[in-house]
Amino acid sequence: MQLLGKREKLAQWRHRMCGPAFIRIGRRIAYHGADLNSWLEARRTDPNNEAA
């Protein structure tokens, strides 16, 4: 998935347990769209939102 970067980066995040939730199916890795959306939303930064 290009949105999150290269496969190697996703593998590093899985190893460090800091990336989005994933499903292991044998040797393959899959992601639920809802899990990706919630993970991305939690890390969203709005540059137009000024701090008080």
Foldseek 3Di string as FASTA:
>chain_A
DPVVHDPVVVVVCVVVVNAFDWDCDPPDIGDDPVRNVVRVVVVDDDPVDDDD
